[in-house]
Each structure stands twice: as structure tokens, then as C-alpha cells.
Amino acid sequence: MSRTLSEEQLLGNTSFKTFEKQFKALADEKRLEILSLLSNKGEVCVCDLQDHMNMPQSKLSYHLKLLLDAGFVTREKRGTWNYYSSNRSELSKLLSEELCCILRPAD
């Protein structure tokens, strides 16, 4: 007799909606560039990200919100500035070893 596993058994605490949100967040070259920059530089002020990415603040905020909502970046507010860092543990759970190596900081 064959048994099928339920979605809950397969995914544990993660749902397909969570994976959908995460993969959508990764499905953009600019967001991948942001993740790479954060992974290599550590914590980065949004003002420095804006200069590096050469994009308007509104577009950068949109990309950062998607990455934040997917759990791939963390944000710390200091005064009037936000500082962003990559969430390595969340990235490592989802990405292949090859892509993780690209987004991990060089040692």
C-alpha cells in the first residue's frame, strides 16, 4: 500500500506560498546584485546601496522590500538611515551550493 505525504509533512513549517515569495524575490537581476553586495560587504547603509545600484530610491526600496519580505535581508534602523544585511541562514536553506557560494562573502 503506497502512502502519500501531505504538504505539511514535506515542508515542515514552510508553505508553498513562502517558497513562491522567496523564488519571486530571487527572480530579478537587480535583487540578486543587491544580495551579492550585502553578502560581500556585510551591513550596508541604504544611502550607499542607492549610490552603488545607481537607481532611484523608490525602485531600490521596492527591491529591498521584496527581499525583506522573503526573509533574505535584515534591516536595522539607526537614526534616519536603514542598514541592510543578508540573512545567510535563510539563503542557505533555499539555495543550491553553487548559488550560495556566489552570495556568500569571500573569506
N, C-alpha and C. Protein backbone atom coordinates (compact mmCIF):
# COMPACT_ATOMS: atom_id res chain seq x y z
N MET A 1 0.85 -1.15 0.00
CA MET A 1 0.00 0.00 0.00
C MET A 1 0.90 1.23 0.00
N SER A 2 0.67 2.13 -0.94
CA SER A 2 1.51 3.33 -1.03
C SER A 2 0.90 4.46 -0.23
N ARG A 3 1.80 5.20 0.41
CA ARG A 3 1.36 6.36 1.20
C ARG A 3 1.86 7.61 0.54
N THR A 4 1.04 8.61 0.51
CA THR A 4 1.49 9.91 0.02
C THR A 4 1.68 10.83 1.20
N LEU A 5 2.72 11.62 1.12
CA LEU A 5 2.98 12.57 2.19
C LEU A 5 2.17 13.83 1.96
N SER A 6 1.67 14.38 3.03
CA SER A 6 0.93 15.63 2.92
C SER A 6 1.90 16.77 2.70
N GLU A 7 1.39 17.89 2.22
CA GLU A 7 2.21 19.09 2.03
C GLU A 7 2.90 19.46 3.34
N GLU A 8 2.19 19.36 4.44
CA GLU A 8 2.76 19.71 5.75
C GLU A 8 3.93 18.80 6.11
N GLN A 9 3.81 17.51 5.83
CA GLN A 9 4.90 16.58 6.12
C GLN A 9 6.12 16.87 5.25
N LEU A 10 5.90 17.24 4.01
CA LEU A 10 7.00 17.51 3.08
C LEU A 10 7.74 18.80 3.43
N LEU A 11 7.00 19.80 3.85
CA LEU A 11 7.57 21.13 4.01
C LEU A 11 7.88 21.53 5.44
N GLY A 12 7.41 20.80 6.40
CA GLY A 12 7.62 21.21 7.79
C GLY A 12 6.88 22.50 8.06
N ASN A 13 7.59 23.53 8.53
CA ASN A 13 6.96 24.81 8.87
C ASN A 13 6.87 25.76 7.68
N THR A 14 7.36 25.35 6.54
CA THR A 14 7.38 26.21 5.36
C THR A 14 6.25 25.83 4.42
N SER A 15 5.59 26.81 3.83
CA SER A 15 4.50 26.54 2.91
C SER A 15 4.94 26.83 1.49
N PHE A 16 4.16 26.34 0.53
CA PHE A 16 4.44 26.63 -0.87
C PHE A 16 4.38 28.13 -1.13
N LYS A 17 3.50 28.85 -0.42
CA LYS A 17 3.40 30.30 -0.58
C LYS A 17 4.71 30.98 -0.17
N THR A 18 5.34 30.46 0.88
CA THR A 18 6.62 31.02 1.31
C THR A 18 7.67 30.81 0.24
N PHE A 19 7.73 29.60 -0.31
CA PHE A 19 8.69 29.33 -1.39
C PHE A 19 8.41 30.20 -2.60
N GLU A 20 7.14 30.38 -2.93
CA GLU A 20 6.78 31.23 -4.07
C GLU A 20 7.31 32.65 -3.86
N LYS A 21 7.10 33.20 -2.67
CA LYS A 21 7.56 34.55 -2.36
C LYS A 21 9.09 34.62 -2.45
N GLN A 22 9.76 33.60 -1.95
CA GLN A 22 11.22 33.61 -1.95
C GLN A 22 11.78 33.50 -3.38
N PHE A 23 11.22 32.61 -4.17
CA PHE A 23 11.73 32.46 -5.54
C PHE A 23 11.41 33.69 -6.38
N LYS A 24 10.28 34.33 -6.15
CA LYS A 24 9.97 35.57 -6.86
C LYS A 24 10.97 36.66 -6.49
N ALA A 25 11.35 36.69 -5.22
CA ALA A 25 12.32 37.69 -4.77
C ALA A 25 13.67 37.47 -5.44
N LEU A 26 14.01 36.23 -5.73
CA LEU A 26 15.29 35.92 -6.37
C LEU A 26 15.25 36.05 -7.89
N ALA A 27 14.07 36.19 -8.45
CA ALA A 27 13.91 36.16 -9.90
C ALA A 27 14.12 37.53 -10.54
N ASP A 28 15.14 38.24 -10.10
CA ASP A 28 15.42 39.56 -10.65
C ASP A 28 16.91 39.84 -10.53
N GLU A 29 17.52 40.27 -11.59
CA GLU A 29 18.96 40.52 -11.61
C GLU A 29 19.37 41.59 -10.60
N LYS A 30 18.60 42.65 -10.47
CA LYS A 30 18.94 43.73 -9.53
C LYS A 30 18.90 43.23 -8.09
N ARG A 31 17.88 42.41 -7.76
CA ARG A 31 17.80 41.89 -6.39
C ARG A 31 18.95 40.93 -6.11
N LEU A 32 19.34 40.14 -7.10
CA LEU A 32 20.50 39.27 -6.93
C LEU A 32 21.77 40.08 -6.74
N GLU A 33 21.88 41.18 -7.45
CA GLU A 33 23.03 42.07 -7.29
C GLU A 33 23.05 42.68 -5.88
N ILE A 34 21.89 43.08 -5.39
CA ILE A 34 21.79 43.62 -4.03
C ILE A 34 22.23 42.57 -3.02
N LEU A 35 21.74 41.34 -3.17
CA LEU A 35 22.11 40.27 -2.25
C LEU A 35 23.61 39.99 -2.29
N SER A 36 24.17 40.00 -3.47
CA SER A 36 25.61 39.77 -3.61
C SER A 36 26.40 40.87 -2.91
N LEU A 37 25.99 42.09 -3.11
CA LEU A 37 26.66 43.23 -2.48
C LEU A 37 26.57 43.13 -0.95
N LEU A 38 25.38 42.85 -0.44
CA LEU A 38 25.20 42.73 1.00
C LEU A 38 25.99 41.56 1.58
N SER A 39 26.04 40.48 0.84
CA SER A 39 26.77 39.30 1.30
C SER A 39 28.27 39.56 1.37
N ASN A 40 28.77 40.34 0.44
CA ASN A 40 30.21 40.59 0.40
C ASN A 40 30.65 41.76 1.28
N LYS A 41 29.79 42.72 1.48
CA LYS A 41 30.17 43.90 2.27
C LYS A 41 29.65 43.84 3.70
N GLY A 42 28.77 42.91 3.98
CA GLY A 42 28.18 42.84 5.32
C GLY A 42 27.04 43.83 5.41
N GLU A 43 27.05 44.64 6.41
CA GLU A 43 26.00 45.63 6.64
C GLU A 43 26.24 46.86 5.77
N VAL A 44 25.19 47.31 5.06
CA VAL A 44 25.32 48.44 4.16
C VAL A 44 24.17 49.42 4.39
N CYS A 45 24.52 50.69 4.48
CA CYS A 45 23.52 51.74 4.61
C CYS A 45 22.74 51.87 3.30
N VAL A 46 21.46 52.15 3.41
CA VAL A 46 20.64 52.28 2.21
C VAL A 46 21.17 53.41 1.31
N CYS A 47 21.74 54.44 1.90
CA CYS A 47 22.29 55.54 1.09
C CYS A 47 23.45 55.05 0.22
N ASP A 48 24.28 54.15 0.77
CA ASP A 48 25.38 53.58 -0.01
C ASP A 48 24.88 52.61 -1.06
N LEU A 49 23.83 51.87 -0.72
CA LEU A 49 23.23 50.97 -1.71
C LEU A 49 22.69 51.75 -2.90
N GLN A 50 22.06 52.87 -2.61
CA GLN A 50 21.48 53.69 -3.66
C GLN A 50 22.58 54.19 -4.60
N ASP A 51 23.68 54.63 -4.04
CA ASP A 51 24.80 55.09 -4.87
C ASP A 51 25.36 53.95 -5.71
N HIS A 52 25.56 52.80 -5.08
CA HIS A 52 26.15 51.66 -5.78
C HIS A 52 25.23 51.13 -6.88
N MET A 53 23.95 51.03 -6.59
CA MET A 53 23.00 50.45 -7.55
C MET A 53 22.60 51.44 -8.63
N ASN A 54 22.88 52.72 -8.41
CA ASN A 54 22.56 53.75 -9.40
C ASN A 54 21.10 53.65 -9.84
N MET A 55 20.21 53.66 -8.85
CA MET A 55 18.78 53.63 -9.15
C MET A 55 18.05 54.56 -8.20
N PRO A 56 16.90 55.03 -8.60
CA PRO A 56 16.13 55.92 -7.73
C PRO A 56 15.76 55.22 -6.42
N GLN A 57 15.62 56.01 -5.38
CA GLN A 57 15.30 55.49 -4.05
C GLN A 57 14.03 54.66 -4.07
N SER A 58 13.04 55.08 -4.83
CA SER A 58 11.76 54.35 -4.85
C SER A 58 11.93 52.94 -5.41
N LYS A 59 12.73 52.78 -6.45
CA LYS A 59 12.96 51.45 -7.03
C LYS A 59 13.77 50.58 -6.08
N LEU A 60 14.79 51.16 -5.46
CA LEU A 60 15.61 50.42 -4.52
C LEU A 60 14.75 49.96 -3.34
N SER A 61 13.90 50.84 -2.84
CA SER A 61 13.01 50.47 -1.73
C SER A 61 12.10 49.31 -2.10
N TYR A 62 11.60 49.31 -3.32
CA TYR A 62 10.75 48.22 -3.80
C TYR A 62 11.52 46.90 -3.77
N HIS A 63 12.73 46.89 -4.31
CA HIS A 63 13.54 45.67 -4.34
C HIS A 63 13.90 45.20 -2.93
N LEU A 64 14.27 46.13 -2.06
CA LEU A 64 14.62 45.78 -0.69
C LEU A 64 13.41 45.22 0.08
N LYS A 65 12.23 45.77 -0.17
CA LYS A 65 11.02 45.27 0.50
C LYS A 65 10.74 43.82 0.10
N LEU A 66 10.89 43.51 -1.17
CA LEU A 66 10.68 42.13 -1.61
C LEU A 66 11.68 41.18 -0.95
N LEU A 67 12.94 41.60 -0.87
CA LEU A 67 13.97 40.78 -0.23
C LEU A 67 13.73 40.65 1.27
N LEU A 68 13.28 41.73 1.89
CA LEU A 68 12.97 41.72 3.31
C LEU A 68 11.78 40.82 3.60
N ASP A 69 10.72 40.94 2.81
CA ASP A 69 9.52 40.11 2.99
C ASP A 69 9.82 38.63 2.79
N ALA A 70 10.78 38.32 1.92
CA ALA A 70 11.15 36.93 1.67
C ALA A 70 12.10 36.40 2.75
N GLY A 71 12.58 37.29 3.61
CA GLY A 71 13.47 36.88 4.69
C GLY A 71 14.94 36.82 4.31
N PHE A 72 15.28 37.32 3.13
CA PHE A 72 16.65 37.23 2.64
C PHE A 72 17.55 38.35 3.15
N VAL A 73 16.96 39.43 3.63
CA VAL A 73 17.76 40.51 4.20
C VAL A 73 17.15 40.93 5.54
N THR A 74 17.98 41.53 6.36
CA THR A 74 17.51 42.10 7.62
C THR A 74 17.76 43.60 7.57
N ARG A 75 17.01 44.33 8.36
CA ARG A 75 17.12 45.79 8.38
C ARG A 75 17.24 46.26 9.82
N GLU A 76 18.14 47.21 10.01
CA GLU A 76 18.28 47.86 11.31
C GLU A 76 18.22 49.36 11.09
N LYS A 77 17.32 50.01 11.80
CA LYS A 77 17.17 51.46 11.68
C LYS A 77 18.07 52.13 12.70
N ARG A 78 18.88 53.07 12.22
CA ARG A 78 19.74 53.87 13.09
C ARG A 78 19.53 55.34 12.74
N GLY A 79 18.85 56.03 13.60
CA GLY A 79 18.53 57.43 13.32
C GLY A 79 17.62 57.50 12.10
N THR A 80 18.05 58.23 11.09
CA THR A 80 17.23 58.37 9.88
C THR A 80 17.59 57.35 8.80
N TRP A 81 18.62 56.53 9.02
CA TRP A 81 19.09 55.60 7.99
C TRP A 81 18.75 54.16 8.34
N ASN A 82 18.51 53.38 7.30
CA ASN A 82 18.32 51.94 7.45
C ASN A 82 19.58 51.24 6.96
N TYR A 83 20.01 50.24 7.70
CA TYR A 83 21.17 49.43 7.34
C TYR A 83 20.68 48.01 7.03
N TYR A 84 21.13 47.47 5.92
CA TYR A 84 20.68 46.15 5.47
C TYR A 84 21.84 45.17 5.49
N SER A 85 21.50 43.92 5.81
CA SER A 85 22.45 42.81 5.79
C SER A 85 21.76 41.61 5.16
N SER A 86 22.55 40.71 4.59
CA SER A 86 21.95 39.48 4.07
C SER A 86 21.67 38.53 5.23
N ASN A 87 20.61 37.79 5.10
CA ASN A 87 20.23 36.78 6.10
C ASN A 87 20.76 35.44 5.58
N ARG A 88 21.99 35.15 5.92
CA ARG A 88 22.67 33.97 5.37
C ARG A 88 21.97 32.67 5.70
N SER A 89 21.42 32.56 6.88
CA SER A 89 20.78 31.29 7.25
C SER A 89 19.56 31.03 6.37
N GLU A 90 18.79 32.05 6.08
CA GLU A 90 17.61 31.87 5.23
C GLU A 90 18.02 31.57 3.79
N LEU A 91 19.05 32.25 3.31
CA LEU A 91 19.54 31.98 1.96
C LEU A 91 20.08 30.56 1.84
N SER A 92 20.81 30.12 2.83
CA SER A 92 21.40 28.78 2.80
C SER A 92 20.36 27.69 2.80
N LYS A 93 19.22 27.92 3.43
CA LYS A 93 18.16 26.92 3.46
C LYS A 93 17.57 26.68 2.08
N LEU A 94 17.58 27.70 1.25
CA LEU A 94 16.86 27.63 -0.02
C LEU A 94 17.75 27.38 -1.23
N LEU A 95 18.94 27.95 -1.23
CA LEU A 95 19.75 27.96 -2.44
C LEU A 95 20.64 26.75 -2.59
N SER A 96 20.95 26.47 -3.84
CA SER A 96 21.89 25.39 -4.12
C SER A 96 23.27 25.79 -3.64
N GLU A 97 24.14 24.82 -3.49
CA GLU A 97 25.50 25.10 -3.05
C GLU A 97 26.20 26.05 -4.01
N GLU A 98 25.96 25.89 -5.30
CA GLU A 98 26.61 26.76 -6.30
C GLU A 98 26.19 28.21 -6.13
N LEU A 99 24.90 28.47 -6.03
CA LEU A 99 24.42 29.84 -5.90
C LEU A 99 24.74 30.39 -4.51
N CYS A 100 24.69 29.56 -3.49
CA CYS A 100 25.07 30.04 -2.15
C CYS A 100 26.49 30.53 -2.14
N CYS A 101 27.36 29.85 -2.85
CA CYS A 101 28.77 30.26 -2.89
C CYS A 101 28.92 31.63 -3.53
N ILE A 102 28.11 31.95 -4.50
CA ILE A 102 28.16 33.26 -5.15
C ILE A 102 27.70 34.33 -4.18
N LEU A 103 26.72 34.03 -3.34
CA LEU A 103 26.14 35.02 -2.45
C LEU A 103 26.77 35.03 -1.06
N ARG A 104 27.72 34.13 -0.82
CA ARG A 104 28.43 34.13 0.45
C ARG A 104 29.61 35.08 0.37
N PRO A 105 29.96 35.69 1.49
CA PRO A 105 31.12 36.59 1.46
C PRO A 105 32.41 35.79 1.25
N ALA A 106 33.33 36.40 0.57
CA ALA A 106 34.63 35.77 0.37
C ALA A 106 35.38 35.78 1.69
N ASP A 107 35.94 34.64 2.06
CA ASP A 107 36.69 34.55 3.33
C ASP A 107 38.14 34.89 3.15
